[in-house]
N, C-alpha and C. Protein backbone atom coordinates (compact mmCIF):
# COMPACT_ATOMS: atom_id res chain seq x y z
N MET A 1 88.90 53.19 -31.14
CA MET A 1 87.42 53.68 -30.19
C MET A 1 86.04 52.89 -30.74
N ILE A 2 85.70 52.39 -29.53
CA ILE A 2 84.98 51.09 -29.68
C ILE A 2 83.28 51.52 -29.21
N ARG A 3 82.35 51.76 -30.06
CA ARG A 3 81.34 52.59 -29.89
C ARG A 3 80.21 51.60 -29.92
N ILE A 4 79.20 51.95 -29.05
CA ILE A 4 78.40 51.29 -27.99
C ILE A 4 76.88 52.08 -28.08
N MET A 5 76.29 51.35 -28.00
CA MET A 5 74.73 51.59 -27.71
C MET A 5 74.38 50.83 -26.30
N LEU A 6 73.96 51.82 -25.89
CA LEU A 6 72.56 50.76 -24.40
C LEU A 6 71.36 50.55 -24.70
N VAL A 7 70.90 49.73 -24.71
CA VAL A 7 69.47 49.31 -24.89
C VAL A 7 69.01 48.74 -23.05
N ASP A 8 68.30 49.20 -22.93
CA ASP A 8 67.91 49.25 -21.43
C ASP A 8 66.29 49.78 -21.54
N ASP A 9 65.41 49.25 -20.64
CA ASP A 9 63.98 49.74 -20.44
C ASP A 9 63.82 50.77 -19.44
N GLN A 10 65.12 50.71 -18.76
CA GLN A 10 64.98 51.30 -17.39
C GLN A 10 65.70 52.55 -17.36
N PRO A 11 65.70 53.85 -17.20
CA PRO A 11 66.85 55.12 -17.76
C PRO A 11 67.41 54.74 -16.40
N LEU A 12 67.75 54.54 -15.34
CA LEU A 12 68.48 54.81 -14.41
C LEU A 12 69.44 53.70 -14.45
N VAL A 13 69.36 52.65 -15.18
CA VAL A 13 70.11 51.64 -15.46
C VAL A 13 71.10 52.32 -16.62
N ARG A 14 70.67 52.64 -17.85
CA ARG A 14 71.16 53.15 -18.76
C ARG A 14 72.02 54.11 -18.32
N ARG A 15 71.61 55.08 -17.45
CA ARG A 15 71.98 56.53 -16.80
C ARG A 15 73.78 55.52 -16.18
N GLY A 16 73.57 54.46 -15.68
CA GLY A 16 74.73 53.97 -14.43
C GLY A 16 75.47 53.34 -15.69
N LEU A 17 74.92 52.62 -16.81
CA LEU A 17 76.00 52.27 -17.83
C LEU A 17 76.82 53.12 -18.68
N ARG A 18 76.22 54.46 -18.79
CA ARG A 18 76.42 55.66 -19.52
C ARG A 18 78.07 56.10 -18.65
N ALA A 19 77.39 56.37 -17.41
CA ALA A 19 78.48 56.84 -16.54
C ALA A 19 79.55 56.08 -16.06
N THR A 20 79.71 54.66 -16.28
CA THR A 20 80.55 53.61 -15.75
C THR A 20 81.65 53.58 -17.54
N PHE A 21 81.06 53.62 -18.65
CA PHE A 21 81.62 53.88 -19.46
C PHE A 21 82.28 55.40 -20.11
N ASP A 22 81.72 56.37 -19.77
CA ASP A 22 82.05 58.46 -19.70
C ASP A 22 84.02 58.05 -19.29
N GLU A 23 83.88 56.81 -18.22
CA GLU A 23 85.05 57.14 -17.80
C GLU A 23 85.75 56.18 -17.96
N VAL A 24 85.68 55.78 -19.48
CA VAL A 24 86.77 54.53 -20.18
C VAL A 24 86.98 55.43 -21.36
N ALA A 25 88.73 55.50 -21.61
CA ALA A 25 88.66 56.25 -22.53
C ALA A 25 88.73 55.51 -24.06
N ASP A 26 88.53 54.02 -23.81
CA ASP A 26 88.04 53.79 -25.34
C ASP A 26 87.24 53.20 -25.87
N VAL A 27 86.38 53.39 -25.07
CA VAL A 27 84.82 53.20 -25.52
C VAL A 27 83.85 54.61 -25.34
N LEU A 28 83.06 54.53 -26.58
CA LEU A 28 82.39 55.93 -26.67
C LEU A 28 80.67 55.55 -26.65
N VAL A 29 79.69 55.62 -25.47
CA VAL A 29 78.43 55.37 -25.71
C VAL A 29 77.91 56.38 -27.01
N VAL A 30 77.30 55.87 -28.25
CA VAL A 30 77.39 56.46 -29.35
C VAL A 30 75.20 57.14 -29.11
N GLY A 31 74.71 56.07 -28.46
CA GLY A 31 73.34 56.09 -28.79
C GLY A 31 72.62 55.02 -27.44
N GLU A 32 71.64 55.46 -26.88
CA GLU A 32 70.66 54.84 -25.98
C GLU A 32 69.21 54.61 -26.95
N ALA A 33 68.72 53.26 -26.20
CA ALA A 33 67.28 53.36 -26.42
C ALA A 33 66.59 52.00 -25.60
N ALA A 34 65.28 52.32 -25.50
CA ALA A 34 64.36 51.76 -24.30
C ALA A 34 63.64 50.82 -24.55
N ASN A 35 64.11 50.08 -25.88
CA ASN A 35 63.38 48.54 -26.08
C ASN A 35 63.78 48.32 -27.83
N GLY A 36 63.89 46.83 -28.18
CA GLY A 36 64.01 46.81 -29.23
C GLY A 36 64.01 47.50 -30.70
N VAL A 37 62.77 47.93 -30.57
CA VAL A 37 61.80 49.00 -31.64
C VAL A 37 62.76 50.04 -31.99
N GLU A 38 63.01 50.76 -30.51
CA GLU A 38 63.80 52.09 -30.54
C GLU A 38 65.40 51.62 -30.98
N ALA A 39 66.13 50.42 -30.35
CA ALA A 39 67.40 50.29 -31.03
C ALA A 39 67.02 50.06 -32.30
N LEU A 40 66.22 48.92 -32.85
CA LEU A 40 66.57 49.07 -34.56
C LEU A 40 66.53 50.32 -35.62
N HIS A 41 65.73 50.83 -34.92
CA HIS A 41 65.74 52.61 -35.49
C HIS A 41 66.78 53.49 -35.44
N ALA A 42 67.40 53.20 -34.28
CA ALA A 42 68.33 53.96 -33.68
C ALA A 42 69.53 53.47 -34.56
N LEU A 43 69.91 52.71 -34.73
CA LEU A 43 71.09 51.44 -35.39
C LEU A 43 70.99 51.93 -37.00
N ARG A 44 70.37 52.17 -37.33
CA ARG A 44 70.12 52.65 -39.08
C ARG A 44 70.94 53.69 -39.32
N GLY A 45 71.79 53.68 -40.00
CA GLY A 45 72.91 54.73 -40.56
C GLY A 45 73.72 54.98 -39.53
N SER A 46 73.75 54.27 -38.21
CA SER A 46 74.71 54.90 -36.97
C SER A 46 76.01 54.07 -37.30
N GLN A 47 76.96 54.29 -36.47
CA GLN A 47 78.47 53.17 -36.49
C GLN A 47 78.91 52.96 -35.47
N VAL A 48 77.80 51.29 -35.21
CA VAL A 48 77.84 50.83 -33.59
C VAL A 48 78.60 49.55 -33.57
N ASP A 49 79.82 49.69 -32.85
CA ASP A 49 80.52 48.06 -33.14
C ASP A 49 79.89 46.97 -31.96
N VAL A 50 79.09 48.02 -30.71
CA VAL A 50 78.75 46.56 -30.00
C VAL A 50 77.44 47.23 -29.22
N VAL A 51 76.41 46.71 -29.05
CA VAL A 51 74.92 46.81 -28.53
C VAL A 51 75.00 46.34 -27.00
N LEU A 52 74.75 47.14 -25.90
CA LEU A 52 74.36 46.47 -24.63
C LEU A 52 72.73 45.88 -24.59
N MET A 53 72.62 44.76 -24.28
CA MET A 53 71.07 44.74 -24.63
C MET A 53 70.72 44.00 -23.47
N ASP A 54 69.48 44.41 -23.25
CA ASP A 54 68.86 43.68 -22.24
C ASP A 54 67.79 42.75 -22.48
N ILE A 55 67.02 41.98 -21.64
CA ILE A 55 66.36 40.72 -22.38
C ILE A 55 64.64 41.47 -22.49
N ASN A 56 64.36 41.39 -21.35
CA ASN A 56 62.78 41.96 -21.22
C ASN A 56 62.66 43.47 -21.30
N MET A 57 61.86 43.76 -22.03
CA MET A 57 61.35 45.31 -22.51
C MET A 57 60.43 45.27 -23.27
N PRO A 58 59.69 46.14 -23.27
CA PRO A 58 58.02 46.24 -23.75
C PRO A 58 58.54 46.24 -25.11
N ARG A 59 57.34 45.95 -25.96
CA ARG A 59 57.37 46.33 -27.13
C ARG A 59 58.17 45.24 -28.48
N MET A 60 59.29 45.09 -28.19
CA MET A 60 60.23 44.20 -28.59
C MET A 60 61.24 44.12 -27.76
N GLY A 61 61.37 42.60 -27.18
CA GLY A 61 62.25 42.09 -26.31
C GLY A 61 63.91 42.05 -26.64
N GLY A 62 65.09 41.69 -26.14
CA GLY A 62 66.07 41.95 -26.68
C GLY A 62 66.51 40.61 -27.23
N LEU A 63 66.10 39.44 -27.03
CA LEU A 63 65.92 38.24 -27.71
C LEU A 63 65.74 38.88 -29.14
N GLU A 64 64.33 39.55 -29.89
CA GLU A 64 63.93 39.18 -31.12
C GLU A 64 64.68 40.26 -31.73
N ALA A 65 65.38 41.46 -30.78
CA ALA A 65 66.18 42.32 -31.40
C ALA A 65 67.35 42.11 -31.66
N THR A 66 67.95 41.21 -31.23
CA THR A 66 69.20 40.69 -31.31
C THR A 66 68.72 39.73 -32.26
N ARG A 67 68.30 39.26 -32.59
CA ARG A 67 67.93 38.32 -34.08
C ARG A 67 68.19 39.01 -34.73
N ARG A 68 67.37 40.33 -35.12
CA ARG A 68 67.18 41.14 -36.32
C ARG A 68 68.65 41.69 -36.34
N ILE A 69 69.30 42.10 -35.26
CA ILE A 69 70.48 42.88 -35.53
C ILE A 69 71.33 41.89 -36.43
N CYS A 70 71.82 40.76 -36.06
CA CYS A 70 72.47 39.70 -36.36
C CYS A 70 72.15 39.34 -37.24
N GLU A 71 71.30 39.18 -37.93
CA GLU A 71 70.83 38.88 -39.78
C GLU A 71 71.68 39.32 -40.60
N GLY A 72 72.13 40.49 -40.49
CA GLY A 72 72.76 41.22 -41.03
C GLY A 72 74.14 41.51 -40.61
N SER A 73 74.87 42.50 -41.26
CA SER A 73 76.14 42.97 -40.76
C SER A 73 76.46 43.83 -40.00
N GLY A 74 75.54 44.16 -38.55
CA GLY A 74 75.17 44.79 -37.54
C GLY A 74 76.30 44.53 -36.54
N PRO A 75 76.48 45.85 -35.95
CA PRO A 75 77.09 45.50 -34.65
C PRO A 75 77.07 44.04 -33.87
N ARG A 76 77.55 44.04 -33.26
CA ARG A 76 77.99 42.67 -32.11
C ARG A 76 77.03 42.63 -31.03
N VAL A 77 76.07 41.91 -30.49
CA VAL A 77 75.48 41.83 -28.99
C VAL A 77 75.90 41.20 -28.21
N VAL A 78 75.87 42.15 -27.21
CA VAL A 78 75.98 41.45 -25.53
C VAL A 78 74.84 41.48 -25.27
N ILE A 79 73.94 40.66 -24.35
CA ILE A 79 72.95 40.44 -24.02
C ILE A 79 73.54 40.85 -21.93
N LEU A 80 72.70 41.73 -21.36
CA LEU A 80 73.11 42.14 -20.15
C LEU A 80 71.62 42.20 -19.32
N THR A 81 71.79 41.10 -18.74
CA THR A 81 70.48 40.70 -18.09
C THR A 81 70.58 40.69 -16.75
N MET A 82 69.80 40.25 -15.36
CA MET A 82 69.61 40.25 -14.67
C MET A 82 69.47 38.19 -14.31
N TYR A 83 68.34 38.07 -15.68
CA TYR A 83 68.25 36.69 -15.62
C TYR A 83 69.36 35.51 -15.64
N ASP A 84 69.83 34.65 -14.91
CA ASP A 84 70.90 34.14 -14.78
C ASP A 84 69.96 32.37 -15.12
N GLN A 85 69.25 32.79 -16.43
CA GLN A 85 68.84 31.34 -16.53
C GLN A 85 69.59 30.67 -17.75
N ASP A 86 69.35 29.13 -17.60
CA ASP A 86 70.45 28.73 -19.33
C ASP A 86 69.81 28.71 -20.08
N GLU A 87 68.33 29.04 -20.09
CA GLU A 87 67.18 28.97 -21.04
C GLU A 87 67.73 29.98 -22.52
N TYR A 88 67.59 31.48 -21.39
CA TYR A 88 67.60 32.77 -21.69
C TYR A 88 69.30 33.15 -22.57
N VAL A 89 70.25 32.10 -21.80
CA VAL A 89 71.96 32.09 -22.40
C VAL A 89 71.70 31.45 -23.63
N PHE A 90 70.94 30.22 -23.77
CA PHE A 90 70.89 29.49 -25.18
C PHE A 90 70.18 30.34 -26.02
N GLU A 91 69.00 30.94 -25.84
CA GLU A 91 68.13 31.80 -26.89
C GLU A 91 69.15 32.66 -27.08
N ALA A 92 69.62 33.54 -26.49
CA ALA A 92 70.91 34.69 -26.64
C ALA A 92 71.65 34.11 -27.62
N LEU A 93 71.97 32.83 -27.34
CA LEU A 93 73.62 32.51 -28.62
C LEU A 93 73.12 32.37 -29.96
N ARG A 94 71.42 31.44 -29.15
CA ARG A 94 71.09 30.99 -30.84
C ARG A 94 70.64 32.87 -31.77
N ALA A 95 70.39 33.91 -30.97
CA ALA A 95 69.99 34.57 -31.77
C ALA A 95 70.93 35.40 -32.35
N GLY A 96 72.39 35.13 -31.83
CA GLY A 96 73.60 35.87 -32.73
C GLY A 96 74.30 36.22 -31.37
N ALA A 97 74.18 36.50 -30.53
CA ALA A 97 74.82 37.54 -29.27
C ALA A 97 75.95 36.90 -29.21
N SER A 98 76.84 37.56 -29.16
CA SER A 98 78.90 37.19 -29.18
C SER A 98 78.88 37.13 -27.02
N GLY A 99 77.94 37.53 -26.75
CA GLY A 99 78.04 37.79 -25.02
C GLY A 99 76.72 37.40 -24.34
N PHE A 100 77.04 37.57 -22.92
CA PHE A 100 75.90 37.30 -21.83
C PHE A 100 76.82 37.48 -20.94
N VAL A 101 76.66 38.82 -20.29
CA VAL A 101 76.63 39.11 -19.63
C VAL A 101 75.48 39.75 -18.07
N LEU A 102 75.78 39.42 -16.88
CA LEU A 102 74.70 39.65 -16.02
C LEU A 102 74.82 40.83 -14.98
N LYS A 103 73.96 41.32 -14.99
CA LYS A 103 73.84 42.92 -14.33
C LYS A 103 74.94 42.71 -12.57
N ASP A 104 74.93 41.76 -12.25
CA ASP A 104 75.38 42.09 -10.99
C ASP A 104 77.11 41.64 -10.88
N SER A 105 77.24 41.62 -12.27
CA SER A 105 78.74 41.91 -12.78
C SER A 105 79.42 42.71 -11.75
N SER A 106 80.96 42.76 -12.51
CA SER A 106 81.55 44.33 -11.71
C SER A 106 81.89 45.22 -13.09
N PRO A 107 81.58 46.07 -12.81
CA PRO A 107 81.77 47.31 -13.75
C PRO A 107 83.13 47.06 -15.44
N GLU A 108 83.91 46.17 -14.02
CA GLU A 108 85.16 46.02 -15.16
C GLU A 108 85.29 44.78 -15.57
N LEU A 109 84.31 43.88 -15.10
CA LEU A 109 83.96 42.81 -16.17
C LEU A 109 83.41 43.27 -17.53
N LEU A 110 82.30 43.77 -17.17
CA LEU A 110 81.60 44.73 -18.18
C LEU A 110 82.42 45.32 -19.36
N VAL A 111 83.02 46.24 -18.83
CA VAL A 111 83.82 46.80 -19.96
C VAL A 111 84.44 45.96 -20.91
N GLU A 112 85.25 44.80 -19.92
CA GLU A 112 86.44 44.27 -20.33
C GLU A 112 85.85 43.28 -21.44
N GLY A 113 84.74 42.83 -21.09
CA GLY A 113 83.92 42.08 -21.99
C GLY A 113 83.20 42.64 -23.58
N VAL A 114 83.28 44.06 -23.38
CA VAL A 114 82.70 45.07 -24.42
C VAL A 114 84.06 45.12 -25.29
N ARG A 115 85.32 45.24 -24.56
CA ARG A 115 86.45 44.92 -25.74
C ARG A 115 86.71 43.48 -26.00
N THR A 116 86.43 43.03 -25.38
CA THR A 116 86.75 40.97 -26.06
C THR A 116 85.55 41.02 -26.89
N VAL A 117 84.35 41.61 -26.85
CA VAL A 117 83.47 41.31 -27.96
C VAL A 117 83.75 42.33 -29.29
N ALA A 118 84.19 43.48 -29.01
CA ALA A 118 84.83 44.25 -29.71
C ALA A 118 85.51 43.73 -30.95
N SER A 119 86.63 43.10 -30.21
CA SER A 119 87.97 42.16 -30.90
C SER A 119 87.41 41.29 -31.89
N GLY A 120 86.11 40.88 -31.95
CA GLY A 120 85.94 39.62 -32.33
C GLY A 120 85.15 38.28 -31.87
N GLU A 121 85.73 38.44 -30.41
CA GLU A 121 85.75 37.24 -29.80
C GLU A 121 84.18 36.99 -28.95
N GLY A 122 84.17 35.98 -28.37
CA GLY A 122 82.79 36.12 -27.33
C GLY A 122 83.15 36.17 -25.80
N LEU A 123 81.80 35.97 -25.13
CA LEU A 123 81.78 36.57 -23.64
C LEU A 123 80.85 35.72 -22.91
N LEU A 124 81.15 35.16 -21.53
CA LEU A 124 79.96 34.66 -20.84
C LEU A 124 80.67 35.12 -19.31
N SER A 125 79.61 35.53 -18.42
CA SER A 125 79.43 35.82 -17.46
C SER A 125 80.48 34.34 -16.79
N PRO A 126 81.17 34.46 -15.45
CA PRO A 126 82.05 33.20 -15.08
C PRO A 126 80.96 32.03 -14.61
N SER A 127 80.04 32.88 -14.39
CA SER A 127 78.89 31.72 -13.70
C SER A 127 78.37 31.02 -14.47
N VAL A 128 77.88 31.90 -15.87
CA VAL A 128 76.95 31.26 -16.76
C VAL A 128 78.10 29.96 -17.40
N THR A 129 79.57 30.46 -17.48
CA THR A 129 80.39 29.91 -18.16
C THR A 129 80.66 28.50 -17.58
N GLY A 130 80.33 28.25 -16.26
CA GLY A 130 80.28 27.31 -15.87
C GLY A 130 79.41 26.04 -15.79
N ARG A 131 78.50 26.71 -16.00
CA ARG A 131 76.85 25.94 -15.97
C ARG A 131 77.26 25.25 -17.29
N LEU A 132 77.60 26.51 -18.20
CA LEU A 132 77.35 26.02 -19.82
C LEU A 132 78.94 24.68 -20.10
N ILE A 133 79.57 24.84 -19.10
CA ILE A 133 80.48 23.58 -19.39
C ILE A 133 79.70 22.28 -18.43
N ALA A 134 79.26 22.66 -17.49
CA ALA A 134 79.12 21.32 -16.81
C ALA A 134 77.87 20.65 -17.79
N GLU A 135 76.46 21.47 -18.27
CA GLU A 135 75.99 20.78 -19.26
C GLU A 135 76.40 20.30 -20.41
N PHE A 136 77.50 20.90 -21.07
CA PHE A 136 78.11 19.87 -22.02
C PHE A 136 78.77 18.85 -21.38
N ALA A 137 79.80 18.48 -20.45
CA ALA A 137 79.88 17.68 -19.88
C ALA A 137 78.85 16.73 -19.59
N ARG A 138 77.91 16.99 -19.14
CA ARG A 138 76.88 16.09 -19.17
C ARG A 138 76.00 15.69 -20.25
N ARG A 139 76.49 15.83 -21.12
CA ARG A 139 75.70 15.30 -22.52
C ARG A 139 75.95 13.97 -23.00
N PRO A 140 75.44 13.16 -24.04
CA PRO A 140 76.06 12.02 -23.88
C PRO A 140 77.59 11.97 -25.02
N VAL A 141 78.27 10.97 -25.26
CA VAL A 141 79.31 11.19 -25.96
C VAL A 141 78.77 10.94 -27.28
N VAL A 142 79.33 11.35 -28.41
CA VAL A 142 79.13 11.40 -29.94
C VAL A 142 79.85 10.73 -30.48
N SER A 143 79.04 9.46 -31.09
CA SER A 143 80.43 8.34 -31.85
C SER A 143 80.43 8.65 -33.13
N ALA A 144 81.69 8.03 -33.72
CA ALA A 144 82.78 8.29 -34.93
C ALA A 144 81.74 8.37 -35.83
N ALA A 145 80.34 7.27 -35.72
CA ALA A 145 79.62 6.71 -37.09
C ALA A 145 78.83 8.45 -37.36
N VAL A 146 78.40 9.05 -36.19
CA VAL A 146 77.46 10.23 -35.94
C VAL A 146 78.68 11.55 -36.63
N VAL A 147 79.71 11.55 -36.22
CA VAL A 147 80.59 12.64 -36.87
C VAL A 147 82.06 12.30 -37.64
N PRO A 148 81.57 12.24 -38.81
CA PRO A 148 82.12 11.87 -39.97
C PRO A 148 83.73 11.70 -39.54
N GLU A 149 84.28 13.06 -39.03
CA GLU A 149 85.50 13.64 -39.04
C GLU A 149 86.54 12.42 -37.92
N LEU A 150 85.67 11.77 -37.10
CA LEU A 150 86.29 10.83 -35.76
C LEU A 150 86.41 9.66 -36.69
N VAL A 151 85.71 8.89 -37.87
CA VAL A 151 85.87 8.12 -38.44
C VAL A 151 87.02 7.48 -38.33
N GLY A 152 87.93 6.28 -37.99
CA GLY A 152 89.29 6.15 -38.69
C GLY A 152 90.24 6.44 -37.74
N LEU A 153 89.76 6.76 -36.99
CA LEU A 153 90.91 7.68 -35.62
C LEU A 153 90.94 6.86 -33.99
N THR A 154 92.46 6.11 -33.86
CA THR A 154 92.84 5.04 -33.14
C THR A 154 91.93 5.55 -31.78
N ASP A 155 91.64 4.90 -30.75
CA ASP A 155 91.51 4.98 -29.50
C ASP A 155 92.10 6.28 -28.90
N ARG A 156 93.37 6.44 -29.45
CA ARG A 156 94.21 6.85 -28.51
C ARG A 156 93.71 8.94 -28.68
N GLY A 157 93.23 8.93 -30.24
CA GLY A 157 92.85 9.86 -30.71
C GLY A 157 90.86 10.02 -30.81
N ALA A 158 90.84 9.35 -30.56
CA ALA A 158 89.22 9.12 -30.48
C ALA A 158 88.56 10.40 -29.67
N GLY A 159 89.23 11.15 -29.06
CA GLY A 159 88.75 11.93 -28.32
C GLY A 159 88.89 13.54 -29.08
N CYS A 160 90.07 13.72 -30.16
CA CYS A 160 89.85 14.47 -30.94
C CYS A 160 89.98 14.78 -32.04
N VAL A 161 89.13 16.07 -32.60
CA VAL A 161 88.48 16.21 -33.90
C VAL A 161 90.22 16.74 -34.55
N PRO A 162 90.39 16.56 -35.92
CA PRO A 162 91.22 16.95 -36.61
C PRO A 162 91.53 18.07 -37.45
N VAL A 163 92.71 18.80 -36.98
CA VAL A 163 92.55 20.52 -37.37
C VAL A 163 93.43 20.40 -38.38
N ALA A 164 92.53 21.37 -39.42
CA ALA A 164 93.24 21.57 -40.91
C ALA A 164 94.31 21.92 -40.68
N GLY A 165 95.38 21.28 -41.14
CA GLY A 165 97.13 21.99 -41.77
C GLY A 165 97.65 21.86 -39.97
N ALA A 166 97.24 21.27 -39.32
CA ALA A 166 97.78 20.66 -38.25
C ALA A 166 98.69 19.86 -38.16
N GLY A 167 100.20 19.89 -38.38
CA GLY A 167 100.80 19.11 -37.96
C GLY A 167 101.16 17.61 -37.01
N SER A 168 101.69 16.81 -37.17
CA SER A 168 101.76 15.85 -36.62
C SER A 168 102.32 15.54 -35.38
N SER A 169 101.90 15.01 -34.02
CA SER A 169 102.96 15.54 -33.33
C SER A 169 104.25 13.96 -32.75
C-alpha cells in the first residue's frame, strides 16, 4: 500500500485528489495540508511514502517545503502544479522533488506517477520531459578535458561515458 499526503491550499483540489485516489486499491491518502508549514508538521511521526505538493501556497510554498522534506530521509515529493514553466521544474528538481506533474494531467497519469515515484523512480509530465530534452540538446558539448571520464576515448566512443562493470562489445 502506498501512503500519500495531499498538500494544496485549495480545499476543492484536495477533495478532488482524494476522490481520485479513493478509487485506487493500492494507494491510501493518509493526510492533507493547506501549506508547507502544515505539511511539515503533519509529516512528523507519520508514515507517508509520497507527498503531492502544490507550488504556490500561503505561509510556506511547495518548493521550500520540498527542500525541507528532502533534506532528511522523509517521503518522496511529487510537485503537482498548474505552472508549466521551466524554472519551476528546475527549482523543484533542485529542491529534491522526484516528480513534476501538471494539474491538467489525466488522473491515470497522476496515479501511475505516484506508483512510479513510490518505487524509487522519477517522473515528469510528458510536455515537461519534451522541453527538458530540447533544453539539454541545446547546451554546448562538454569536452573530454572537462569530463575526466572521457579522456582517452576514441572518436567512436567520445559520446559515451564508461559504465562501471560494463563488458566490452
